[in-house]
Amino acid sequence: MAHTTHTENTLGAHVAALIQQRGYTLREFAEATDIPLVTLHRRLRSQSVRFTYSELARAAAALGTTAGAIITAFEEQAA
């Protein structure tokens, strides 16, 4: 199995792009999702630290979508 080394190919990078598209700052998004800013930053920037389902569900709700829709769009983009 190939290991992706490009940060833009991670779920965190995908979520970061959605956050930016919606016009949130990281601080605003952290407050909207009740995810600590440091944790959110790690989830968005790391290739090895992943969102918990609860965090992804809260992020999706703040973005006006579902966790499943975020994952599906990410997988389609990555294909």
N, C-alpha and C. Protein backbone atom coordinates (compact mmCIF):
# COMPACT_ATOMS: atom_id res chain seq x y z
N MET A 1 0.84 -1.17 0.00
CA MET A 1 0.00 0.00 0.00
C MET A 1 0.89 1.24 0.00
N ALA A 2 0.62 2.15 -0.91
CA ALA A 2 1.42 3.37 -1.02
C ALA A 2 1.07 4.33 0.10
N HIS A 3 2.07 5.01 0.59
CA HIS A 3 1.87 6.01 1.64
C HIS A 3 1.87 7.39 1.01
N THR A 4 0.81 8.14 1.21
CA THR A 4 0.72 9.48 0.65
C THR A 4 1.60 10.43 1.44
N THR A 5 2.41 11.19 0.74
CA THR A 5 3.28 12.13 1.43
C THR A 5 2.85 13.57 1.19
N HIS A 6 1.86 13.80 0.36
CA HIS A 6 1.41 15.15 0.07
C HIS A 6 0.30 15.55 1.03
N THR A 7 0.52 16.60 1.79
CA THR A 7 -0.43 17.06 2.78
C THR A 7 -1.79 17.35 2.17
N GLU A 8 -1.82 17.85 0.91
CA GLU A 8 -3.10 18.20 0.30
C GLU A 8 -3.98 16.97 0.04
N ASN A 9 -3.43 15.77 0.17
CA ASN A 9 -4.18 14.54 -0.06
C ASN A 9 -4.70 13.92 1.22
N THR A 10 -4.78 14.68 2.30
CA THR A 10 -5.28 14.14 3.55
C THR A 10 -6.70 14.63 3.80
N LEU A 11 -7.43 13.91 4.61
CA LEU A 11 -8.77 14.33 4.99
C LEU A 11 -8.70 15.68 5.71
N GLY A 12 -7.70 15.87 6.54
CA GLY A 12 -7.54 17.13 7.25
C GLY A 12 -7.40 18.30 6.29
N ALA A 13 -6.61 18.12 5.24
CA ALA A 13 -6.44 19.18 4.24
C ALA A 13 -7.75 19.44 3.51
N HIS A 14 -8.51 18.39 3.27
CA HIS A 14 -9.82 18.53 2.61
C HIS A 14 -10.75 19.36 3.50
N VAL A 15 -10.79 19.03 4.78
CA VAL A 15 -11.64 19.78 5.72
C VAL A 15 -11.15 21.22 5.83
N ALA A 16 -9.84 21.42 5.85
CA ALA A 16 -9.28 22.78 5.92
C ALA A 16 -9.74 23.61 4.72
N ALA A 17 -9.78 23.00 3.55
CA ALA A 17 -10.24 23.71 2.35
C ALA A 17 -11.72 24.08 2.49
N LEU A 18 -12.51 23.19 3.03
CA LEU A 18 -13.94 23.48 3.23
C LEU A 18 -14.13 24.63 4.22
N ILE A 19 -13.33 24.62 5.27
CA ILE A 19 -13.39 25.69 6.28
C ILE A 19 -13.07 27.03 5.62
N GLN A 20 -12.02 27.04 4.82
CA GLN A 20 -11.62 28.26 4.14
C GLN A 20 -12.70 28.72 3.16
N GLN A 21 -13.28 27.78 2.41
CA GLN A 21 -14.34 28.12 1.46
C GLN A 21 -15.54 28.77 2.14
N ARG A 22 -15.81 28.34 3.38
CA ARG A 22 -16.96 28.88 4.12
C ARG A 22 -16.63 30.20 4.81
N GLY A 23 -15.35 30.62 4.75
CA GLY A 23 -14.96 31.90 5.30
C GLY A 23 -14.68 31.92 6.79
N TYR A 24 -14.52 30.75 7.39
CA TYR A 24 -14.19 30.67 8.81
C TYR A 24 -12.70 30.91 9.02
N THR A 25 -12.34 31.50 10.15
CA THR A 25 -10.96 31.44 10.62
C THR A 25 -10.87 30.16 11.44
N LEU A 26 -9.67 29.68 11.70
CA LEU A 26 -9.54 28.47 12.53
C LEU A 26 -10.11 28.70 13.93
N ARG A 27 -9.88 29.87 14.47
CA ARG A 27 -10.39 30.18 15.81
C ARG A 27 -11.93 30.15 15.82
N GLU A 28 -12.55 30.76 14.82
CA GLU A 28 -14.01 30.76 14.73
C GLU A 28 -14.54 29.34 14.59
N PHE A 29 -13.86 28.55 13.75
CA PHE A 29 -14.31 27.18 13.53
C PHE A 29 -14.14 26.33 14.78
N ALA A 30 -13.04 26.52 15.49
CA ALA A 30 -12.82 25.81 16.74
C ALA A 30 -13.95 26.12 17.73
N GLU A 31 -14.32 27.39 17.82
CA GLU A 31 -15.40 27.78 18.72
C GLU A 31 -16.74 27.20 18.26
N ALA A 32 -16.99 27.20 16.95
CA ALA A 32 -18.25 26.69 16.41
C ALA A 32 -18.40 25.18 16.62
N THR A 33 -17.29 24.47 16.66
CA THR A 33 -17.32 23.01 16.77
C THR A 33 -17.01 22.50 18.17
N ASP A 34 -16.56 23.39 19.04
CA ASP A 34 -16.13 23.01 20.38
C ASP A 34 -14.96 22.02 20.34
N ILE A 35 -14.12 22.19 19.32
CA ILE A 35 -12.87 21.44 19.22
C ILE A 35 -11.76 22.42 19.60
N PRO A 36 -10.94 22.09 20.60
CA PRO A 36 -9.87 23.01 20.98
C PRO A 36 -9.02 23.40 19.76
N LEU A 37 -8.62 24.66 19.71
CA LEU A 37 -7.87 25.18 18.57
C LEU A 37 -6.62 24.36 18.29
N VAL A 38 -5.89 23.99 19.31
CA VAL A 38 -4.66 23.20 19.12
C VAL A 38 -5.00 21.84 18.50
N THR A 39 -6.05 21.21 18.98
CA THR A 39 -6.48 19.92 18.43
C THR A 39 -6.90 20.07 16.99
N LEU A 40 -7.70 21.09 16.70
CA LEU A 40 -8.16 21.32 15.34
C LEU A 40 -6.97 21.54 14.41
N HIS A 41 -6.03 22.34 14.84
CA HIS A 41 -4.84 22.58 14.02
C HIS A 41 -4.12 21.28 13.71
N ARG A 42 -3.95 20.42 14.69
CA ARG A 42 -3.28 19.13 14.48
C ARG A 42 -4.05 18.27 13.49
N ARG A 43 -5.38 18.24 13.63
CA ARG A 43 -6.20 17.41 12.75
C ARG A 43 -6.12 17.88 11.30
N LEU A 44 -6.04 19.17 11.11
CA LEU A 44 -6.04 19.72 9.75
C LEU A 44 -4.68 19.62 9.09
N ARG A 45 -3.60 19.65 9.85
CA ARG A 45 -2.26 19.74 9.28
C ARG A 45 -1.48 18.42 9.27
N SER A 46 -1.92 17.45 10.03
CA SER A 46 -1.14 16.23 10.19
C SER A 46 -1.58 15.14 9.23
N GLN A 47 -0.61 14.35 8.80
CA GLN A 47 -0.93 13.17 8.01
C GLN A 47 -1.22 11.97 8.90
N SER A 48 -0.81 12.02 10.15
CA SER A 48 -0.97 10.86 11.02
C SER A 48 -2.02 11.04 12.11
N VAL A 49 -2.35 12.28 12.47
CA VAL A 49 -3.35 12.52 13.50
C VAL A 49 -4.68 12.71 12.80
N ARG A 50 -5.66 11.87 13.14
CA ARG A 50 -6.92 11.87 12.42
C ARG A 50 -8.06 12.38 13.29
N PHE A 51 -9.12 12.83 12.63
CA PHE A 51 -10.33 13.25 13.32
C PHE A 51 -10.99 12.05 14.00
N THR A 52 -11.54 12.26 15.19
CA THR A 52 -12.44 11.25 15.75
C THR A 52 -13.77 11.41 15.03
N TYR A 53 -14.64 10.43 15.13
CA TYR A 53 -15.94 10.56 14.46
C TYR A 53 -16.71 11.74 15.04
N SER A 54 -16.66 11.91 16.34
CA SER A 54 -17.36 13.02 16.99
C SER A 54 -16.87 14.37 16.46
N GLU A 55 -15.56 14.52 16.34
CA GLU A 55 -15.00 15.77 15.83
C GLU A 55 -15.42 16.00 14.39
N LEU A 56 -15.37 14.95 13.57
CA LEU A 56 -15.74 15.09 12.17
C LEU A 56 -17.23 15.42 12.04
N ALA A 57 -18.06 14.82 12.88
CA ALA A 57 -19.49 15.11 12.85
C ALA A 57 -19.76 16.56 13.25
N ARG A 58 -19.06 17.06 14.26
CA ARG A 58 -19.22 18.46 14.67
C ARG A 58 -18.71 19.41 13.59
N ALA A 59 -17.60 19.05 12.95
CA ALA A 59 -17.08 19.87 11.86
C ALA A 59 -18.08 19.91 10.70
N ALA A 60 -18.62 18.75 10.37
CA ALA A 60 -19.60 18.67 9.28
C ALA A 60 -20.83 19.52 9.58
N ALA A 61 -21.31 19.43 10.81
CA ALA A 61 -22.49 20.22 11.18
C ALA A 61 -22.22 21.72 11.03
N ALA A 62 -21.04 22.16 11.44
CA ALA A 62 -20.68 23.57 11.31
C ALA A 62 -20.55 23.99 9.85
N LEU A 63 -20.22 23.03 9.00
CA LEU A 63 -20.07 23.30 7.57
C LEU A 63 -21.38 23.10 6.81
N GLY A 64 -22.42 22.69 7.52
CA GLY A 64 -23.71 22.50 6.88
C GLY A 64 -23.82 21.24 6.05
N THR A 65 -23.11 20.20 6.46
CA THR A 65 -23.12 18.95 5.72
C THR A 65 -23.05 17.79 6.70
N THR A 66 -22.73 16.61 6.23
CA THR A 66 -22.59 15.44 7.10
C THR A 66 -21.17 14.89 7.02
N ALA A 67 -20.80 14.11 8.01
CA ALA A 67 -19.48 13.47 8.00
C ALA A 67 -19.36 12.56 6.79
N GLY A 68 -20.41 11.84 6.48
CA GLY A 68 -20.40 10.95 5.32
C GLY A 68 -20.17 11.69 4.02
N ALA A 69 -20.81 12.85 3.87
CA ALA A 69 -20.64 13.64 2.65
C ALA A 69 -19.21 14.15 2.53
N ILE A 70 -18.61 14.54 3.66
CA ILE A 70 -17.22 15.01 3.63
C ILE A 70 -16.30 13.87 3.21
N ILE A 71 -16.49 12.71 3.78
CA ILE A 71 -15.64 11.56 3.46
C ILE A 71 -15.82 11.15 2.01
N THR A 72 -17.07 11.11 1.54
CA THR A 72 -17.34 10.73 0.15
C THR A 72 -16.68 11.71 -0.81
N ALA A 73 -16.83 13.02 -0.56
CA ALA A 73 -16.22 14.02 -1.44
C ALA A 73 -14.70 13.89 -1.42
N PHE A 74 -14.11 13.63 -0.25
CA PHE A 74 -12.67 13.45 -0.15
C PHE A 74 -12.22 12.24 -0.96
N GLU A 75 -12.93 11.13 -0.82
CA GLU A 75 -12.56 9.91 -1.54
C GLU A 75 -12.68 10.11 -3.04
N GLU A 76 -13.72 10.80 -3.48
CA GLU A 76 -13.88 11.06 -4.91
C GLU A 76 -12.77 11.95 -5.44
N GLN A 77 -12.38 12.94 -4.65
CA GLN A 77 -11.31 13.85 -5.04
C GLN A 77 -9.97 13.10 -5.10
N ALA A 78 -9.77 12.19 -4.18
CA ALA A 78 -8.51 11.47 -4.10
C ALA A 78 -8.37 10.39 -5.17
N ALA A 79 -9.49 9.97 -5.74
CA ALA A 79 -9.47 8.88 -6.73
C ALA A 79 -8.88 9.31 -8.05
